[in-house]
Amino acid sequence: MQKGDYLQAILRSQKTVFTLKDIALLWQDADTDAARVRLNYYVRKGDLFRLRRGLYAKSKTYEKLELATRIFTPSYVSFETVLAKEGLIFQYQTQITVVSYLTRTLDIDNQLYSYKKMKDTILTNSTGVVHANETSVATKERAFLDILYTNRDYHFDNTRSLDWDIVLALVPMYDNKRMAKKVKQFYDTRHINA
């Protein structure tokens, strides 16, 4: 790769957020030390932005959901972030909630990212997770079940928009009797109030 092509390779990419490994692959450069030096130069010049150690953005208008799924992988956006967007809860959500292999809360660029641990069999099952625009986001049905799995008594403001065939098809993936019973209660209540 020519000297001036390194930055252009990043800027041409569809991604808005990059890990050091992403950039090394993009540059076809196994020498991560050389990549770090180059990246530090681009950050000092203002051509790239360091979000945190090992994570870079093309501009200050990077996709926050993309960053959420790039910090810890595998992961996908779920819980309150999806439920609020889909109208299942009405409370305003400022933090981005993510399913991951660990539990952490991070503050990056004045945005809170809340990671909740899920067992590997759930985390790595991509059923009900949409992969688009360099981001993985749970469907409303998957987010509904994720939150029921992690919270015993969660209050939903509106469950009418859920596709119950999809919900019921996803329940066995969690292998949790308590949660399955709670889903059945929601399902039965829905039919009584209909």
Protein backbone atom coordinates (compact mmCIF):
# COMPACT_ATOMS: atom_id res chain seq x y z
CA MET A 1 0.00 0.00 0.00
CA GLN A 2 1.31 3.47 -0.89
CA LYS A 3 1.96 6.03 1.84
CA GLY A 4 -1.12 8.20 1.10
CA ASP A 5 -3.45 5.21 0.65
CA TYR A 6 -3.66 4.22 4.31
CA LEU A 7 -6.02 6.99 5.40
CA GLN A 8 -8.02 6.72 2.17
CA ALA A 9 -8.62 3.01 2.80
CA ILE A 10 -10.25 3.87 6.14
CA LEU A 11 -12.27 6.77 4.74
CA ARG A 12 -13.64 4.63 1.87
CA SER A 13 -14.83 1.90 4.24
CA GLN A 14 -18.54 1.53 5.09
CA LYS A 15 -17.64 1.31 8.79
CA THR A 16 -17.63 4.41 10.97
CA VAL A 17 -15.85 2.71 13.90
CA PHE A 18 -12.69 0.61 13.68
CA THR A 19 -10.67 -1.59 15.98
CA LEU A 20 -6.92 -1.86 15.56
CA LYS A 21 -7.47 -5.35 14.09
CA ASP A 22 -9.98 -3.97 11.55
CA ILE A 23 -7.43 -1.40 10.40
CA ALA A 24 -4.59 -3.92 10.21
CA LEU A 25 -6.80 -6.11 7.98
CA LEU A 26 -7.84 -3.14 5.87
CA TRP A 27 -4.22 -2.13 5.39
CA GLN A 28 -3.14 -5.76 4.88
CA ASP A 29 -0.52 -5.09 7.53
CA ALA A 30 0.28 -7.69 10.19
CA ASP A 31 2.62 -5.26 11.99
CA THR A 32 0.26 -3.70 14.54
CA ASP A 33 3.08 -1.56 15.97
CA ALA A 34 3.48 0.22 12.62
CA ALA A 35 -0.31 0.55 12.38
CA ARG A 36 -0.43 2.14 15.86
CA VAL A 37 2.23 4.69 14.90
CA ARG A 38 0.33 5.57 11.72
CA LEU A 39 -2.97 5.81 13.63
CA ASN A 40 -1.46 8.06 16.30
CA TYR A 41 -0.24 10.34 13.52
CA TYR A 42 -3.75 10.51 11.97
CA VAL A 43 -5.30 11.20 15.39
CA ARG A 44 -2.83 14.03 16.10
CA LYS A 45 -3.60 15.56 12.67
CA GLY A 46 -7.36 15.32 13.35
CA ASP A 47 -8.01 12.92 10.44
CA LEU A 48 -9.25 10.19 12.83
CA PHE A 49 -10.71 10.23 16.34
CA ARG A 50 -9.67 7.90 19.15
CA LEU A 51 -12.77 6.80 21.04
CA ARG A 52 -10.91 4.64 23.53
CA ARG A 53 -7.85 2.45 23.48
CA GLY A 54 -7.87 0.42 20.26
CA LEU A 55 -11.06 2.02 18.87
CA TYR A 56 -11.10 4.77 16.25
CA ALA A 57 -13.77 6.68 14.32
CA LYS A 58 -13.65 8.38 10.92
CA SER A 59 -15.42 11.44 12.27
CA LYS A 60 -17.26 12.78 15.32
CA THR A 61 -20.53 11.68 13.68
CA TYR A 62 -19.84 7.95 14.02
CA GLU A 63 -22.67 5.47 14.57
CA LYS A 64 -23.09 4.94 18.32
CA LEU A 65 -24.86 1.60 17.89
CA GLU A 66 -21.96 0.43 15.72
CA LEU A 67 -19.53 1.43 18.47
CA ALA A 68 -21.67 -0.40 21.04
CA THR A 69 -21.22 -3.70 19.20
CA ARG A 70 -17.51 -3.13 18.44
CA ILE A 71 -16.31 -2.58 22.02
CA PHE A 72 -16.92 -6.17 23.13
CA THR A 73 -17.58 -8.90 20.58
CA PRO A 74 -19.71 -10.87 20.24
CA SER A 75 -22.50 -8.52 21.26
CA TYR A 76 -25.76 -7.04 19.99
CA VAL A 77 -27.93 -4.05 20.92
CA SER A 78 -31.03 -5.12 22.86
CA PHE A 79 -32.98 -4.53 26.08
CA GLU A 80 -34.31 -1.00 26.73
CA THR A 81 -32.65 0.53 23.66
CA VAL A 82 -34.70 -1.66 21.32
CA LEU A 83 -37.82 -1.73 23.50
CA ALA A 84 -38.00 2.08 23.67
CA LYS A 85 -37.37 2.44 19.92
CA GLU A 86 -40.10 -0.10 19.16
CA GLY A 87 -42.63 1.43 21.59
CA LEU A 88 -42.81 -1.43 24.09
CA ILE A 89 -41.68 0.90 26.87
CA PHE A 90 -42.32 4.63 26.99
CA GLN A 91 -39.49 5.74 29.29
CA TYR A 92 -36.84 7.84 27.57
CA GLN A 93 -33.57 5.95 27.31
CA THR A 94 -30.22 7.73 27.17
CA GLN A 95 -27.92 4.76 27.61
CA ILE A 96 -27.37 2.13 24.95
CA THR A 97 -28.02 -1.36 26.30
CA VAL A 98 -26.16 -4.32 24.86
CA VAL A 99 -26.07 -8.11 25.31
CA SER A 100 -22.48 -9.33 25.72
CA TYR A 101 -20.29 -11.96 27.38
CA LEU A 102 -19.66 -9.66 30.37
CA THR A 103 -21.36 -6.99 32.46
CA ARG A 104 -19.91 -3.48 32.25
CA THR A 105 -20.96 0.15 32.02
CA LEU A 106 -18.75 2.46 29.96
CA ASP A 107 -18.88 6.20 29.33
CA ILE A 108 -17.42 7.02 25.93
CA ASP A 109 -17.75 10.46 24.37
CA ASN A 110 -20.54 11.40 26.86
CA GLN A 111 -22.60 8.30 25.96
CA LEU A 112 -23.27 5.51 28.45
CA TYR A 113 -23.02 1.94 27.15
CA SER A 114 -24.48 -0.71 29.46
CA TYR A 115 -23.42 -4.32 28.77
CA LYS A 116 -25.26 -7.23 30.36
CA LYS A 117 -23.90 -10.74 30.42
CA MET A 118 -25.85 -13.52 28.72
CA LYS A 119 -24.87 -17.17 28.57
CA ASP A 120 -22.97 -18.16 25.42
CA THR A 121 -25.75 -20.30 23.94
CA ILE A 122 -28.02 -17.23 23.82
CA LEU A 123 -25.34 -14.68 22.90
CA THR A 124 -24.05 -16.64 19.91
CA ASN A 125 -27.49 -17.61 18.57
CA SER A 126 -28.28 -15.07 15.87
CA THR A 127 -31.99 -15.92 15.61
CA GLY A 128 -33.91 -12.68 16.09
CA VAL A 129 -30.83 -10.49 15.65
CA VAL A 130 -30.60 -8.28 12.56
CA HIS A 131 -27.11 -7.66 11.16
CA ALA A 132 -27.05 -4.46 9.08
CA ASN A 133 -24.83 -1.40 8.64
CA GLU A 134 -21.96 -2.96 10.64
CA THR A 135 -24.29 -3.35 13.64
CA SER A 136 -26.20 -6.21 15.26
CA VAL A 137 -29.55 -5.28 16.80
CA ALA A 138 -32.19 -7.52 18.37
CA THR A 139 -35.69 -7.56 16.96
CA LYS A 140 -38.36 -6.32 19.37
CA GLU A 141 -39.36 -9.94 20.08
CA ARG A 142 -35.78 -10.92 20.93
CA ALA A 143 -35.28 -7.80 23.09
CA PHE A 144 -38.56 -8.58 24.90
CA LEU A 145 -37.29 -12.07 25.72
CA ASP A 146 -33.79 -10.86 26.60
CA ILE A 147 -35.20 -8.52 29.23
CA LEU A 148 -37.54 -11.17 30.62
CA TYR A 149 -34.54 -13.50 30.90
CA THR A 150 -32.49 -10.99 32.92
CA ASN A 151 -35.33 -9.29 34.90
CA ARG A 152 -37.96 -11.24 36.79
CA ASP A 153 -40.61 -8.51 37.02
CA TYR A 154 -40.16 -6.07 34.18
CA HIS A 155 -42.98 -3.67 33.27
CA PHE A 156 -43.83 -3.22 29.59
CA ASP A 157 -46.08 -0.34 28.57
CA ASN A 158 -47.28 -1.86 25.30
CA THR A 159 -46.86 -5.44 24.02
CA ARG A 160 -49.52 -5.29 21.29
CA SER A 161 -46.99 -4.89 18.48
CA LEU A 162 -45.17 -8.15 19.29
CA ASP A 163 -45.48 -11.02 16.84
CA TRP A 164 -46.35 -13.77 19.29
CA ASP A 165 -45.54 -16.55 16.82
CA ILE A 166 -41.96 -15.26 16.73
CA VAL A 167 -41.85 -14.80 20.53
CA LEU A 168 -43.04 -18.36 21.14
CA ALA A 169 -40.59 -19.75 18.58
CA LEU A 170 -37.67 -18.00 20.33
CA VAL A 171 -38.52 -19.03 23.92
CA PRO A 172 -36.86 -22.51 23.79
CA MET A 173 -33.49 -20.90 22.96
CA TYR A 174 -33.35 -19.49 26.52
CA ASP A 175 -33.95 -22.87 28.20
CA ASN A 176 -35.49 -21.17 31.24
CA LYS A 177 -38.72 -22.44 32.81
CA ARG A 178 -39.35 -19.30 34.88
CA MET A 179 -39.09 -17.12 31.79
CA ALA A 180 -41.24 -19.47 29.68
CA LYS A 181 -43.95 -19.30 32.36
CA LYS A 182 -43.78 -15.47 32.37
CA VAL A 183 -44.05 -15.37 28.55
CA LYS A 184 -47.12 -17.63 28.75
CA GLN A 185 -48.68 -15.20 31.26
CA PHE A 186 -48.09 -12.28 28.88
CA TYR A 187 -49.47 -14.33 26.00
CA ASP A 188 -52.59 -15.38 27.91
CA THR A 189 -53.20 -11.84 29.21
CA ARG A 190 -52.91 -10.52 25.67
CA HIS A 191 -55.68 -12.86 24.48
CA ILE A 192 -57.93 -11.97 27.43
CA ASN A 193 -57.57 -8.20 26.79
CA ALA A 194 -57.99 -8.53 23.02
